[in-house]
Amino acid sequence: MDDPKNTAKRKKVAGLALSLVLAALLGSVLFFAAPGREGSIPEGLKDYYRQKGVEETGSINLVSSIYLGYRAMDTLGETVVLLLTVTGVIAIMGERR
């Protein structure tokens, strides 16, 4: 049988994790629904990517040139956030041992 102190601690950690996830979701919804955000890329930038994207980055296609060439630091940031999220989930789930 589980110790009541361990059970209370797990419930507290789970409640905190749920609160953080809900706060992140709410923040994301508010950020992306913010008024004044343009939904499309300006025409000049689209044309520039089409004309010079593959040539400047050396990639094999336009999607790869944008994703890995022009947005490489953004992609790295997203990867770090994903890694930290997975690490946090593993840490929370590891409390059950």
PDB file of N, CA and C in Angstrom:
ATOM      1  N   MET A   1       0.830  -1.182   0.000  1.00  0.00           N
ATOM      2  CA  MET A   1       0.000   0.000   0.000  1.00  0.00           C
ATOM      3  C   MET A   1       0.877   1.249   0.000  1.00  0.00           C
ATOM      4  N   ASP A   2       0.408   2.275  -0.650  1.00  0.00           N
ATOM      5  CA  ASP A   2       1.168   3.515  -0.721  1.00  0.00           C
ATOM      6  C   ASP A   2       1.090   4.291   0.583  1.00  0.00           C
ATOM      7  N   ASP A   3       2.168   4.984   0.859  1.00  0.00           N
ATOM      8  CA  ASP A   3       2.234   5.862   2.007  1.00  0.00           C
ATOM      9  C   ASP A   3       1.355   7.084   1.726  1.00  0.00           C
ATOM     10  N   PRO A   4       0.515   7.516   2.668  1.00  0.00           N
ATOM     11  CA  PRO A   4      -0.345   8.685   2.431  1.00  0.00           C
ATOM     12  C   PRO A   4       0.431   9.946   2.074  1.00  0.00           C
ATOM     13  N   LYS A   5       1.647  10.083   2.613  1.00  0.00           N
ATOM     14  CA  LYS A   5       2.458  11.265   2.289  1.00  0.00           C
ATOM     15  C   LYS A   5       2.869  11.238   0.819  1.00  0.00           C
ATOM     16  N   ASN A   6       3.261  10.054   0.313  1.00  0.00           N
ATOM     17  CA  ASN A   6       3.643   9.933  -1.098  1.00  0.00           C
ATOM     18  C   ASN A   6       2.455  10.192  -2.011  1.00  0.00           C
ATOM     19  N   THR A   7       1.294   9.709  -1.622  1.00  0.00           N
ATOM     20  CA  THR A   7       0.094   9.935  -2.419  1.00  0.00           C
ATOM     21  C   THR A   7      -0.237  11.418  -2.485  1.00  0.00           C
ATOM     22  N   ALA A   8      -0.156  12.109  -1.366  1.00  0.00           N
ATOM     23  CA  ALA A   8      -0.427  13.547  -1.341  1.00  0.00           C
ATOM     24  C   ALA A   8       0.592  14.307  -2.176  1.00  0.00           C
ATOM     25  N   LYS A   9       1.838  13.874  -2.116  1.00  0.00           N
ATOM     26  CA  LYS A   9       2.888  14.540  -2.891  1.00  0.00           C
ATOM     27  C   LYS A   9       2.651  14.351  -4.384  1.00  0.00           C
ATOM     28  N   ARG A  10       2.273  13.146  -4.793  1.00  0.00           N
ATOM     29  CA  ARG A  10       1.993  12.885  -6.207  1.00  0.00           C
ATOM     30  C   ARG A  10       0.811  13.700  -6.703  1.00  0.00           C
ATOM     31  N   LYS A  11      -0.222  13.820  -5.883  1.00  0.00           N
ATOM     32  CA  LYS A  11      -1.383  14.617  -6.269  1.00  0.00           C
ATOM     33  C   LYS A  11      -1.004  16.086  -6.420  1.00  0.00           C
ATOM     34  N   LYS A  12      -0.144  16.565  -5.541  1.00  0.00           N
ATOM     35  CA  LYS A  12       0.293  17.956  -5.614  1.00  0.00           C
ATOM     36  C   LYS A  12       1.105  18.202  -6.886  1.00  0.00           C
ATOM     37  N   VAL A  13       2.018  17.307  -7.210  1.00  0.00           N
ATOM     38  CA  VAL A  13       2.838  17.431  -8.418  1.00  0.00           C
ATOM     39  C   VAL A  13       1.959  17.345  -9.662  1.00  0.00           C
ATOM     40  N   ALA A  14       1.008  16.418  -9.672  1.00  0.00           N
ATOM     41  CA  ALA A  14       0.109  16.278 -10.815  1.00  0.00           C
ATOM     42  C   ALA A  14      -0.754  17.519 -10.990  1.00  0.00           C
ATOM     43  N   GLY A  15      -1.220  18.089  -9.892  1.00  0.00           N
ATOM     44  CA  GLY A  15      -2.012  19.318  -9.962  1.00  0.00           C
ATOM     45  C   GLY A  15      -1.198  20.487 -10.493  1.00  0.00           C
ATOM     46  N   LEU A  16       0.051  20.588 -10.068  1.00  0.00           N
ATOM     47  CA  LEU A  16       0.929  21.644 -10.564  1.00  0.00           C
ATOM     48  C   LEU A  16       1.205  21.473 -12.052  1.00  0.00           C
ATOM     49  N   ALA A  17       1.460  20.241 -12.469  1.00  0.00           N
ATOM     50  CA  ALA A  17       1.717  19.962 -13.886  1.00  0.00           C
ATOM     51  C   ALA A  17       0.494  20.303 -14.730  1.00  0.00           C
ATOM     52  N   LEU A  18      -0.676  19.928 -14.273  1.00  0.00           N
ATOM     53  CA  LEU A  18      -1.904  20.241 -14.998  1.00  0.00           C
ATOM     54  C   LEU A  18      -2.110  21.745 -15.084  1.00  0.00           C
ATOM     55  N   SER A  19      -1.848  22.455 -14.006  1.00  0.00           N
ATOM     56  CA  SER A  19      -1.979  23.913 -14.011  1.00  0.00           C
ATOM     57  C   SER A  19      -1.029  24.556 -15.016  1.00  0.00           C
ATOM     58  N   LEU A  20       0.203  24.069 -15.083  1.00  0.00           N
ATOM     59  CA  LEU A  20       1.173  24.616 -16.030  1.00  0.00           C
ATOM     60  C   LEU A  20       0.767  24.350 -17.473  1.00  0.00           C
ATOM     61  N   VAL A  21       0.272  23.158 -17.736  1.00  0.00           N
ATOM     62  CA  VAL A  21      -0.167  22.823 -19.091  1.00  0.00           C
ATOM     63  C   VAL A  21      -1.345  23.700 -19.498  1.00  0.00           C
ATOM     64  N   LEU A  22      -2.315  23.868 -18.616  1.00  0.00           N
ATOM     65  CA  LEU A  22      -3.469  24.711 -18.925  1.00  0.00           C
ATOM     66  C   LEU A  22      -3.063  26.168 -19.123  1.00  0.00           C
ATOM     67  N   ALA A  23      -2.131  26.659 -18.315  1.00  0.00           N
ATOM     68  CA  ALA A  23      -1.651  28.037 -18.482  1.00  0.00           C
ATOM     69  C   ALA A  23      -0.945  28.207 -19.821  1.00  0.00           C
ATOM     70  N   ALA A  24      -0.152  27.207 -20.223  1.00  0.00           N
ATOM     71  CA  ALA A  24       0.529  27.277 -21.517  1.00  0.00           C
ATOM     72  C   ALA A  24      -0.473  27.264 -22.667  1.00  0.00           C
ATOM     73  N   LEU A  25      -1.489  26.435 -22.564  1.00  0.00           N
ATOM     74  CA  LEU A  25      -2.514  26.386 -23.611  1.00  0.00           C
ATOM     75  C   LEU A  25      -3.273  27.702 -23.711  1.00  0.00           C
ATOM     76  N   LEU A  26      -3.642  28.252 -22.574  1.00  0.00           N
ATOM     77  CA  LEU A  26      -4.353  29.531 -22.571  1.00  0.00           C
ATOM     78  C   LEU A  26      -3.479  30.635 -23.151  1.00  0.00           C
ATOM     79  N   GLY A  27      -2.211  30.667 -22.757  1.00  0.00           N
ATOM     80  CA  GLY A  27      -1.291  31.665 -23.303  1.00  0.00           C
ATOM     81  C   GLY A  27      -1.135  31.537 -24.801  1.00  0.00           C
ATOM     82  N   SER A  28      -1.074  30.313 -25.303  1.00  0.00           N
ATOM     83  CA  SER A  28      -0.947  30.089 -26.746  1.00  0.00           C
ATOM     84  C   SER A  28      -2.182  30.577 -27.486  1.00  0.00           C
ATOM     85  N   VAL A  29      -3.344  30.262 -26.946  1.00  0.00           N
ATOM     86  CA  VAL A  29      -4.584  30.698 -27.590  1.00  0.00           C
ATOM     87  C   VAL A  29      -4.654  32.226 -27.625  1.00  0.00           C
ATOM     88  N   LEU A  30      -4.321  32.856 -26.523  1.00  0.00           N
ATOM     89  CA  LEU A  30      -4.364  34.317 -26.486  1.00  0.00           C
ATOM     90  C   LEU A  30      -3.333  34.941 -27.417  1.00  0.00           C
ATOM     91  N   PHE A  31      -2.161  34.347 -27.526  1.00  0.00           N
ATOM     92  CA  PHE A  31      -1.122  34.883 -28.397  1.00  0.00           C
ATOM     93  C   PHE A  31      -1.525  34.783 -29.861  1.00  0.00           C
ATOM     94  N   PHE A  32      -2.020  33.629 -30.266  1.00  0.00           N
ATOM     95  CA  PHE A  32      -2.342  33.434 -31.674  1.00  0.00           C
ATOM     96  C   PHE A  32      -3.649  34.093 -32.082  1.00  0.00           C
ATOM     97  N   ALA A  33      -4.499  34.411 -31.129  1.00  0.00           N
ATOM     98  CA  ALA A  33      -5.757  35.084 -31.439  1.00  0.00           C
ATOM     99  C   ALA A  33      -5.650  36.594 -31.252  1.00  0.00           C
ATOM    100  N   ALA A  34      -4.442  37.082 -31.001  1.00  0.00           N
ATOM    101  CA  ALA A  34      -4.255  38.514 -30.752  1.00  0.00           C
ATOM    102  C   ALA A  34      -4.660  39.332 -31.975  1.00  0.00           C
ATOM    103  N   PRO A  35      -5.379  40.432 -31.768  1.00  0.00           N
ATOM    104  CA  PRO A  35      -5.763  41.277 -32.894  1.00  0.00           C
ATOM    105  C   PRO A  35      -4.540  41.949 -33.516  1.00  0.00           C
ATOM    106  N   GLY A  36      -4.601  42.174 -34.808  1.00  0.00           N
ATOM    107  CA  GLY A  36      -3.520  42.867 -35.487  1.00  0.00           C
ATOM    108  C   GLY A  36      -2.462  41.959 -36.053  1.00  0.00           C
ATOM    109  N   ARG A  37      -2.581  40.680 -35.814  1.00  0.00           N
ATOM    110  CA  ARG A  37      -1.604  39.742 -36.384  1.00  0.00           C
ATOM    111  C   ARG A  37      -1.986  39.458 -37.823  1.00  0.00           C
ATOM    112  N   GLU A  38      -1.026  39.590 -38.698  1.00  0.00           N
ATOM    113  CA  GLU A  38      -1.252  39.278 -40.097  1.00  0.00           C
ATOM    114  C   GLU A  38      -1.149  37.772 -40.292  1.00  0.00           C
ATOM    115  N   GLY A  39      -2.033  37.216 -41.086  1.00  0.00           N
ATOM    116  CA  GLY A  39      -2.058  35.786 -41.274  1.00  0.00           C
ATOM    117  C   GLY A  39      -1.228  35.289 -42.442  1.00  0.00           C
ATOM    118  N   SER A  40      -0.681  36.196 -43.257  1.00  0.00           N
ATOM    119  CA  SER A  40       0.046  35.722 -44.424  1.00  0.00           C
ATOM    120  C   SER A  40       1.409  36.398 -44.524  1.00  0.00           C
ATOM    121  N   ILE A  41       2.261  35.791 -45.323  1.00  0.00           N
ATOM    122  CA  ILE A  41       3.598  36.327 -45.558  1.00  0.00           C
ATOM    123  C   ILE A  41       3.499  37.397 -46.637  1.00  0.00           C
ATOM    124  N   PRO A  42       4.194  38.522 -46.499  1.00  0.00           N
ATOM    125  CA  PRO A  42       4.152  39.568 -47.535  1.00  0.00           C
ATOM    126  C   PRO A  42       4.596  39.036 -48.895  1.00  0.00           C
ATOM    127  N   GLU A  43       4.005  39.553 -49.960  1.00  0.00           N
ATOM    128  CA  GLU A  43       4.294  39.077 -51.317  1.00  0.00           C
ATOM    129  C   GLU A  43       5.775  39.181 -51.667  1.00  0.00           C
ATOM    130  N   GLY A  44       6.439  40.254 -51.273  1.00  0.00           N
ATOM    131  CA  GLY A  44       7.851  40.419 -51.597  1.00  0.00           C
ATOM    132  C   GLY A  44       8.707  39.320 -51.012  1.00  0.00           C
ATOM    133  N   LEU A  45       8.395  38.914 -49.802  1.00  0.00           N
ATOM    134  CA  LEU A  45       9.152  37.853 -49.147  1.00  0.00           C
ATOM    135  C   LEU A  45       8.889  36.512 -49.817  1.00  0.00           C
ATOM    136  N   LYS A  46       7.636  36.267 -50.211  1.00  0.00           N
ATOM    137  CA  LYS A  46       7.311  35.031 -50.918  1.00  0.00           C
ATOM    138  C   LYS A  46       8.107  34.939 -52.214  1.00  0.00           C
ATOM    139  N   ASP A  47       8.123  36.019 -52.955  1.00  0.00           N
ATOM    140  CA  ASP A  47       8.853  36.031 -54.228  1.00  0.00           C
ATOM    141  C   ASP A  47      10.348  35.806 -54.008  1.00  0.00           C
ATOM    142  N   TYR A  48      10.905  36.434 -52.984  1.00  0.00           N
ATOM    143  CA  TYR A  48      12.331  36.277 -52.690  1.00  0.00           C
ATOM    144  C   TYR A  48      12.653  34.821 -52.359  1.00  0.00           C
ATOM    145  N   TYR A  49      11.829  34.200 -51.523  1.00  0.00           N
ATOM    146  CA  TYR A  49      12.048  32.793 -51.178  1.00  0.00           C
ATOM    147  C   TYR A  49      11.978  31.905 -52.415  1.00  0.00           C
ATOM    148  N   ARG A  50      11.000  32.165 -53.277  1.00  0.00           N
ATOM    149  CA  ARG A  50      10.850  31.352 -54.487  1.00  0.00           C
ATOM    150  C   ARG A  50      12.044  31.494 -55.416  1.00  0.00           C
ATOM    151  N   GLN A  51      12.543  32.706 -55.569  1.00  0.00           N
ATOM    152  CA  GLN A  51      13.619  32.963 -56.527  1.00  0.00           C
ATOM    153  C   GLN A  51      14.997  32.549 -56.004  1.00  0.00           C
ATOM    154  N   LYS A  52      15.279  32.806 -54.747  1.00  0.00           N
ATOM    155  CA  LYS A  52      16.633  32.625 -54.237  1.00  0.00           C
ATOM    156  C   LYS A  52      16.781  31.592 -53.129  1.00  0.00           C
ATOM    157  N   GLY A  53      15.686  31.026 -52.660  1.00  0.00           N
ATOM    158  CA  GLY A  53      15.734  30.115 -51.515  1.00  0.00           C
ATOM    159  C   GLY A  53      16.658  28.941 -51.678  1.00  0.00           C
ATOM    160  N   VAL A  54      16.466  28.164 -52.725  1.00  0.00           N
ATOM    161  CA  VAL A  54      17.282  26.965 -52.940  1.00  0.00           C
ATOM    162  C   VAL A  54      18.724  27.352 -53.260  1.00  0.00           C
ATOM    163  N   GLU A  55      18.872  28.401 -54.036  1.00  0.00           N
ATOM    164  CA  GLU A  55      20.212  28.860 -54.437  1.00  0.00           C
ATOM    165  C   GLU A  55      21.047  29.314 -53.237  1.00  0.00           C
ATOM    166  N   GLU A  56      20.465  30.097 -52.342  1.00  0.00           N
ATOM    167  CA  GLU A  56      21.213  30.647 -51.202  1.00  0.00           C
ATOM    168  C   GLU A  56      21.516  29.621 -50.120  1.00  0.00           C
ATOM    169  N   THR A  57      20.627  28.673 -49.920  1.00  0.00           N
ATOM    170  CA  THR A  57      20.824  27.730 -48.813  1.00  0.00           C
ATOM    171  C   THR A  57      21.487  26.434 -49.246  1.00  0.00           C
ATOM    172  N   GLY A  58      21.451  26.123 -50.523  1.00  0.00           N
ATOM    173  CA  GLY A  58      22.047  24.890 -51.012  1.00  0.00           C
ATOM    174  C   GLY A  58      21.219  23.659 -50.723  1.00  0.00           C
ATOM    175  N   SER A  59      19.974  23.826 -50.370  1.00  0.00           N
ATOM    176  CA  SER A  59      19.116  22.675 -50.083  1.00  0.00           C
ATOM    177  C   SER A  59      18.538  22.113 -51.379  1.00  0.00           C
ATOM    178  N   ILE A  60      17.869  20.974 -51.277  1.00  0.00           N
ATOM    179  CA  ILE A  60      17.363  20.326 -52.481  1.00  0.00           C
ATOM    180  C   ILE A  60      15.981  20.799 -52.902  1.00  0.00           C
ATOM    181  N   ASN A  61      15.248  21.443 -51.991  1.00  0.00           N
ATOM    182  CA  ASN A  61      13.937  21.970 -52.366  1.00  0.00           C
ATOM    183  C   ASN A  61      13.612  23.210 -51.544  1.00  0.00           C
ATOM    184  N   LEU A  62      12.540  23.876 -51.912  1.00  0.00           N
ATOM    185  CA  LEU A  62      12.182  25.148 -51.288  1.00  0.00           C
ATOM    186  C   LEU A  62      11.766  24.983 -49.823  1.00  0.00           C
ATOM    187  N   VAL A  63      11.039  23.926 -49.513  1.00  0.00           N
ATOM    188  CA  VAL A  63      10.600  23.714 -48.126  1.00  0.00           C
ATOM    189  C   VAL A  63      11.803  23.531 -47.211  1.00  0.00           C
ATOM    190  N   SER A  64      12.747  22.723 -47.621  1.00  0.00           N
ATOM    191  CA  SER A  64      13.953  22.507 -46.814  1.00  0.00           C
ATOM    192  C   SER A  64      14.758  23.784 -46.661  1.00  0.00           C
ATOM    193  N   SER A  65      14.810  24.587 -47.717  1.00  0.00           N
ATOM    194  CA  SER A  65      15.585  25.830 -47.629  1.00  0.00           C
ATOM    195  C   SER A  65      14.985  26.787 -46.614  1.00  0.00           C
ATOM    196  N   ILE A  66      13.664  26.872 -46.561  1.00  0.00           N
ATOM    197  CA  ILE A  66      13.023  27.767 -45.590  1.00  0.00           C
ATOM    198  C   ILE A  66      13.150  27.199 -44.186  1.00  0.00           C
ATOM    199  N   TYR A  67      12.867  25.917 -44.041  1.00  0.00           N
ATOM    200  CA  TYR A  67      12.842  25.295 -42.714  1.00  0.00           C
ATOM    201  C   TYR A  67      14.227  25.203 -42.088  1.00  0.00           C
ATOM    202  N   LEU A  68      15.208  24.758 -42.850  1.00  0.00           N
ATOM    203  CA  LEU A  68      16.533  24.535 -42.288  1.00  0.00           C
ATOM    204  C   LEU A  68      17.507  25.675 -42.551  1.00  0.00           C
ATOM    205  N   GLY A  69      17.251  26.468 -43.574  1.00  0.00           N
ATOM    206  CA  GLY A  69      18.167  27.555 -43.907  1.00  0.00           C
ATOM    207  C   GLY A  69      17.800  28.862 -43.234  1.00  0.00           C
ATOM    208  N   TYR A  70      16.629  29.368 -43.564  1.00  0.00           N
ATOM    209  CA  TYR A  70      16.222  30.676 -43.054  1.00  0.00           C
ATOM    210  C   TYR A  70      15.702  30.626 -41.622  1.00  0.00           C
ATOM    211  N   ARG A  71      15.130  29.513 -41.215  1.00  0.00           N
ATOM    212  CA  ARG A  71      14.526  29.423 -39.882  1.00  0.00           C
ATOM    213  C   ARG A  71      15.259  28.443 -38.973  1.00  0.00           C
ATOM    214  N   ALA A  72      16.528  28.247 -39.194  1.00  0.00           N
ATOM    215  CA  ALA A  72      17.283  27.238 -38.442  1.00  0.00           C
ATOM    216  C   ALA A  72      17.291  27.529 -36.942  1.00  0.00           C
ATOM    217  N   MET A  73      17.488  28.771 -36.543  1.00  0.00           N
ATOM    218  CA  MET A  73      17.537  29.090 -35.108  1.00  0.00           C
ATOM    219  C   MET A  73      16.165  28.911 -34.470  1.00  0.00           C
ATOM    220  N   ASP A  74      15.117  29.233 -35.197  1.00  0.00           N
ATOM    221  CA  ASP A  74      13.769  29.027 -34.680  1.00  0.00           C
ATOM    222  C   ASP A  74      13.501  27.534 -34.501  1.00  0.00           C
ATOM    223  N   THR A  75      13.933  26.743 -35.463  1.00  0.00           N
ATOM    224  CA  THR A  75      13.773  25.293 -35.378  1.00  0.00           C
ATOM    225  C   THR A  75      14.555  24.738 -34.190  1.00  0.00           C
ATOM    226  N   LEU A  76      15.750  25.243 -33.961  1.00  0.00           N
ATOM    227  CA  LEU A  76      16.553  24.804 -32.818  1.00  0.00           C
ATOM    228  C   LEU A  76      15.839  25.147 -31.507  1.00  0.00           C
ATOM    229  N   GLY A  77      15.259  26.331 -31.423  1.00  0.00           N
ATOM    230  CA  GLY A  77      14.514  26.722 -30.227  1.00  0.00           C
ATOM    231  C   GLY A  77      13.327  25.810 -29.970  1.00  0.00           C
ATOM    232  N   GLU A  78      12.610  25.464 -31.033  1.00  0.00           N
ATOM    233  CA  GLU A  78      11.463  24.563 -30.886  1.00  0.00           C
ATOM    234  C   GLU A  78      11.919  23.184 -30.417  1.00  0.00           C
ATOM    235  N   THR A  79      13.054  22.735 -30.903  1.00  0.00           N
ATOM    236  CA  THR A  79      13.585  21.437 -30.506  1.00  0.00           C
ATOM    237  C   THR A  79      13.962  21.436 -29.023  1.00  0.00           C
ATOM    238  N   VAL A  80      14.557  22.514 -28.561  1.00  0.00           N
ATOM    239  CA  VAL A  80      14.935  22.614 -27.139  1.00  0.00           C
ATOM    240  C   VAL A  80      13.687  22.607 -26.261  1.00  0.00           C
ATOM    241  N   VAL A  81      12.649  23.337 -26.663  1.00  0.00           N
ATOM    242  CA  VAL A  81      11.403  23.354 -25.889  1.00  0.00           C
ATOM    243  C   VAL A  81      10.794  21.958 -25.837  1.00  0.00           C
ATOM    244  N   LEU A  82      10.792  21.251 -26.963  1.00  0.00           N
ATOM    245  CA  LEU A  82      10.254  19.891 -26.989  1.00  0.00           C
ATOM    246  C   LEU A  82      11.061  18.964 -26.076  1.00  0.00           C
ATOM    247  N   LEU A  83      12.376  19.079 -26.109  1.00  0.00           N
ATOM    248  CA  LEU A  83      13.235  18.258 -25.258  1.00  0.00           C
ATOM    249  C   LEU A  83      12.965  18.521 -23.774  1.00  0.00           C
ATOM    250  N   LEU A  84      12.828  19.788 -23.414  1.00  0.00           N
ATOM    251  CA  LEU A  84      12.538  20.125 -22.021  1.00  0.00           C
ATOM    252  C   LEU A  84      11.167  19.612 -21.594  1.00  0.00           C
ATOM    253  N   THR A  85      10.203  19.665 -22.490  1.00  0.00           N
ATOM    254  CA  THR A  85       8.861  19.172 -22.180  1.00  0.00           C
ATOM    255  C   THR A  85       8.880  17.667 -21.927  1.00  0.00           C
ATOM    256  N   VAL A  86       9.547  16.942 -22.793  1.00  0.00           N
ATOM    257  CA  VAL A  86       9.638  15.488 -22.623  1.00  0.00           C
ATOM    258  C   VAL A  86      10.372  15.153 -21.328  1.00  0.00           C
ATOM    259  N   THR A  87      11.445  15.882 -21.035  1.00  0.00           N
ATOM    260  CA  THR A  87      12.188  15.661 -19.795  1.00  0.00           C
ATOM    261  C   THR A  87      11.296  15.914 -18.578  1.00  0.00           C
ATOM    262  N   GLY A  88      10.493  16.966 -18.618  1.00  0.00           N
ATOM    263  CA  GLY A  88       9.576  17.267 -17.519  1.00  0.00           C
ATOM    264  C   GLY A  88       8.529  16.189 -17.320  1.00  0.00           C
ATOM    265  N   VAL A  89       7.985  15.688 -18.432  1.00  0.00           N
ATOM    266  CA  VAL A  89       6.983  14.623 -18.339  1.00  0.00           C
ATOM    267  C   VAL A  89       7.603  13.368 -17.750  1.00  0.00           C
ATOM    268  N   ILE A  90       8.805  13.035 -18.180  1.00  0.00           N
ATOM    269  CA  ILE A  90       9.488  11.855 -17.631  1.00  0.00           C
ATOM    270  C   ILE A  90       9.745  12.039 -16.139  1.00  0.00           C
ATOM    271  N   ALA A  91      10.133  13.248 -15.737  1.00  0.00           N
ATOM    272  CA  ALA A  91      10.391  13.513 -14.314  1.00  0.00           C
ATOM    273  C   ALA A  91       9.120  13.380 -13.488  1.00  0.00           C
ATOM    274  N   ILE A  92       8.015  13.884 -14.025  1.00  0.00           N
ATOM    275  CA  ILE A  92       6.744  13.798 -13.289  1.00  0.00           C
ATOM    276  C   ILE A  92       6.271  12.357 -13.217  1.00  0.00           C
ATOM    277  N   MET A  93       6.368  11.649 -14.323  1.00  0.00           N
ATOM    278  CA  MET A  93       5.925  10.251 -14.337  1.00  0.00           C
ATOM    279  C   MET A  93       6.853   9.372 -13.506  1.00  0.00           C
ATOM    280  N   GLY A  94       8.107   9.753 -13.359  1.00  0.00           N
ATOM    281  CA  GLY A  94       9.054   8.988 -12.568  1.00  0.00           C
ATOM    282  C   GLY A  94       8.760   9.045 -11.079  1.00  0.00           C
ATOM    283  N   GLU A  95       7.948  10.002 -10.652  1.00  0.00           N
ATOM    284  CA  GLU A  95       7.583  10.128  -9.238  1.00  0.00           C
ATOM    285  C   GLU A  95       6.766   8.933  -8.756  1.00  0.00           C
ATOM    286  N   ARG A  96       6.198   8.185  -9.657  1.00  0.00           N
ATOM    287  CA  ARG A  96       5.308   7.069  -9.287  1.00  0.00           C
ATOM    288  C   ARG A  96       6.072   5.837  -8.805  1.00  0.00           C
ATOM    289  N   ARG A  97       7.371   5.787  -9.007  1.00  0.00           N
ATOM    290  CA  ARG A  97       8.147   4.599  -8.618  1.00  0.00           C
ATOM    291  C   ARG A  97       8.144   4.375  -7.153  1.00  0.00           C
TER     292      ARG A  97
END
